[in-house]
Protein backbone atom coordinates (compact mmCIF):
# COMPACT_ATOMS: atom_id res chain seq x y z
CA MET A 1 23.74 20.49 11.29
CA THR A 2 27.44 20.25 10.73
CA ALA A 3 29.50 17.32 9.48
CA LEU A 4 30.53 14.65 11.98
CA THR A 5 33.81 14.97 13.83
CA GLU A 6 33.50 11.59 15.60
CA ASP A 7 31.60 8.29 15.36
CA ARG A 8 27.81 8.37 15.51
CA ASN A 9 25.38 5.69 16.69
CA THR A 10 22.85 5.81 13.84
CA PRO A 11 19.58 3.95 14.57
CA GLN A 12 18.34 1.45 11.98
CA ARG A 13 14.96 0.03 10.94
CA SER A 14 14.47 -2.95 8.63
CA GLY A 15 11.97 -1.00 6.55
CA ASP A 16 9.54 -3.85 6.01
CA ASN A 17 7.35 -3.29 9.08
CA ARG A 18 5.46 -0.08 9.70
CA ASN A 19 2.77 1.09 12.11
CA PHE A 20 0.23 3.81 11.33
CA PRO A 21 -2.69 5.53 13.06
CA VAL A 22 -6.05 4.40 11.62
CA LYS A 23 -8.77 6.77 10.40
CA GLY A 24 -11.81 6.91 12.69
CA ALA A 25 -14.85 4.79 11.76
CA THR A 26 -12.63 2.58 9.59
CA THR A 27 -12.14 -1.18 9.24
CA LEU A 28 -9.03 -2.62 7.62
CA PHE A 29 -8.99 -6.32 6.77
CA ALA A 30 -6.00 -8.61 7.13
CA GLY A 31 -4.22 -9.00 3.80
CA SER A 32 -5.67 -5.85 2.28
CA MET A 33 -3.77 -3.04 0.59
CA ALA A 34 -3.54 -0.11 2.98
CA ALA A 35 -3.06 3.57 2.21
CA ILE A 36 -2.41 6.88 3.92
CA ASP A 37 -4.99 9.60 3.28
CA THR A 38 -4.30 13.34 3.10
CA THR A 39 -4.53 13.63 6.90
CA GLY A 40 -1.90 10.91 7.44
CA MET A 41 -4.41 8.32 8.62
CA LEU A 42 -4.43 4.70 7.45
CA VAL A 43 -7.42 3.67 5.30
CA PRO A 44 -8.23 0.83 2.90
CA ALA A 45 -6.67 1.34 -0.54
CA GLY A 46 -9.06 2.45 -3.25
CA ALA A 47 -9.45 4.43 -6.45
CA THR A 48 -8.79 7.82 -4.85
CA ALA A 49 -5.87 9.63 -6.47
CA THR A 50 -4.74 11.38 -3.27
CA LEU A 51 -4.10 8.11 -1.40
CA LYS A 52 -0.55 6.82 -0.91
CA ILE A 53 -0.39 3.03 -0.84
CA VAL A 54 1.95 1.89 1.93
CA GLY A 55 1.72 -1.93 1.90
CA ARG A 56 -0.28 -4.92 3.13
CA ASN A 57 -2.30 -4.64 6.34
CA GLU A 58 -1.29 -7.43 8.72
CA ARG A 59 -4.44 -8.05 10.78
CA ARG A 60 -8.06 -6.97 10.95
CA VAL A 61 -8.30 -3.60 12.64
CA VAL A 62 -11.55 -1.85 13.58
CA ASN A 63 -11.35 1.76 14.67
CA ALA A 64 -14.80 2.68 15.96
CA GLY A 65 -13.34 5.74 17.68
CA ALA A 66 -11.60 8.95 16.67
CA ASP A 67 -8.81 9.33 14.13
CA GLY A 68 -5.66 7.70 15.46
CA SER A 69 -7.22 6.01 18.51
CA VAL A 70 -6.15 2.65 17.00
CA ARG A 71 -2.97 1.78 15.12
CA ALA A 72 -2.31 -0.91 12.49
CA ASP A 73 0.74 -2.87 11.37
CA VAL A 74 1.56 -2.71 7.68
CA LYS A 75 4.22 -4.71 5.86
CA THR A 76 6.16 -3.89 2.70
CA GLY A 77 7.43 -6.59 0.34
CA VAL A 78 5.94 -8.55 -2.57
CA PHE A 79 2.32 -9.73 -2.27
CA ARG A 80 -0.27 -11.13 -4.68
CA PHE A 81 -3.48 -9.19 -5.32
CA GLY A 82 -6.37 -9.56 -7.75
CA ASN A 83 -5.93 -8.55 -11.37
CA SER A 84 -8.30 -6.05 -12.98
CA ALA A 85 -10.31 -7.05 -16.03
CA SER A 86 -10.63 -6.25 -19.70
CA THR A 87 -8.27 -3.59 -21.07
CA ASP A 88 -7.00 -2.83 -17.54
CA ALA A 89 -5.80 -6.40 -16.92
CA ILE A 90 -2.09 -6.72 -16.16
CA THR A 91 0.03 -9.19 -18.17
CA LEU A 92 3.60 -10.48 -17.96
CA ALA A 93 4.57 -7.78 -20.46
CA ASP A 94 3.81 -5.23 -17.71
CA VAL A 95 6.38 -6.58 -15.21
CA GLY A 96 8.50 -3.70 -13.92
CA SER A 97 5.77 -1.11 -14.53
CA SER A 98 3.64 0.63 -11.93
CA CYS A 99 0.19 -0.72 -11.15
CA TYR A 100 -2.75 1.17 -9.68
CA ALA A 101 -5.18 0.46 -6.84
CA VAL A 102 -8.77 -0.26 -7.87
CA ASP A 103 -9.81 -1.22 -4.33
CA ASP A 104 -8.11 -2.84 -1.32
CA GLN A 105 -7.52 -6.15 -3.13
CA THR A 106 -7.34 -5.36 -6.86
CA VAL A 107 -4.75 -3.67 -9.09
CA ALA A 108 -5.00 -2.37 -12.65
CA LYS A 109 -2.68 -1.50 -15.52
CA THR A 110 -3.78 2.15 -15.78
CA SER A 111 -4.49 5.06 -13.49
CA ASN A 112 -7.90 5.58 -15.12
CA SER A 113 -6.95 9.13 -16.17
CA SER A 114 -5.11 9.80 -12.87
CA ALA A 115 -8.11 8.74 -10.75
CA ARG A 116 -6.22 5.85 -9.07
CA PRO A 117 -3.09 5.95 -6.92
CA VAL A 118 0.04 3.96 -7.71
CA ALA A 119 -0.12 0.73 -5.72
CA GLY A 120 3.43 -0.45 -6.39
CA THR A 121 5.61 -2.12 -9.00
CA ILE A 122 4.46 -5.20 -10.91
CA PHE A 123 6.82 -7.99 -9.82
CA ASP A 124 5.15 -10.96 -11.53
CA VAL A 125 1.81 -12.14 -12.93
CA ASP A 126 0.32 -15.61 -12.65
CA ASP A 127 -3.07 -17.28 -13.09
CA ASP A 128 -4.07 -16.24 -9.56
CA GLY A 129 -3.22 -12.55 -9.75
CA VAL A 130 -0.55 -9.87 -9.77
CA TRP A 131 2.49 -9.88 -7.51
CA VAL A 132 3.00 -6.28 -6.38
CA LYS A 133 6.18 -4.93 -4.80
CA PHE A 134 5.60 -2.31 -2.11
CA SER A 135 8.63 -0.35 -1.02
């Protein structure tokens, strides 16, 4: 492409709402962390290094059919999830660092030797869990 020589109507998206095709034979629960697998299909987040966490799933979605026959809404922002335990528990000292998906509702301080995908950035920590920023 060449540089503009006149005004351009450039489309815009807010960036906090997304919609993805869901992997076949998959259930995603409302409020869960959702991820894209290596085929580009939405799946529940988990401790699989090749997953890319994309945000919070907005409603329960059941895809009993083929890959992509159902779509799901996912939202970015800051959401609270469960904190891991023991030496993988996240503390206030970890705010600003990356956290890693253990499952679709729990985050941990470490990648477990690169076995877990990055879930997002630790925004805050309270007695009820870890606030994770998805972008």
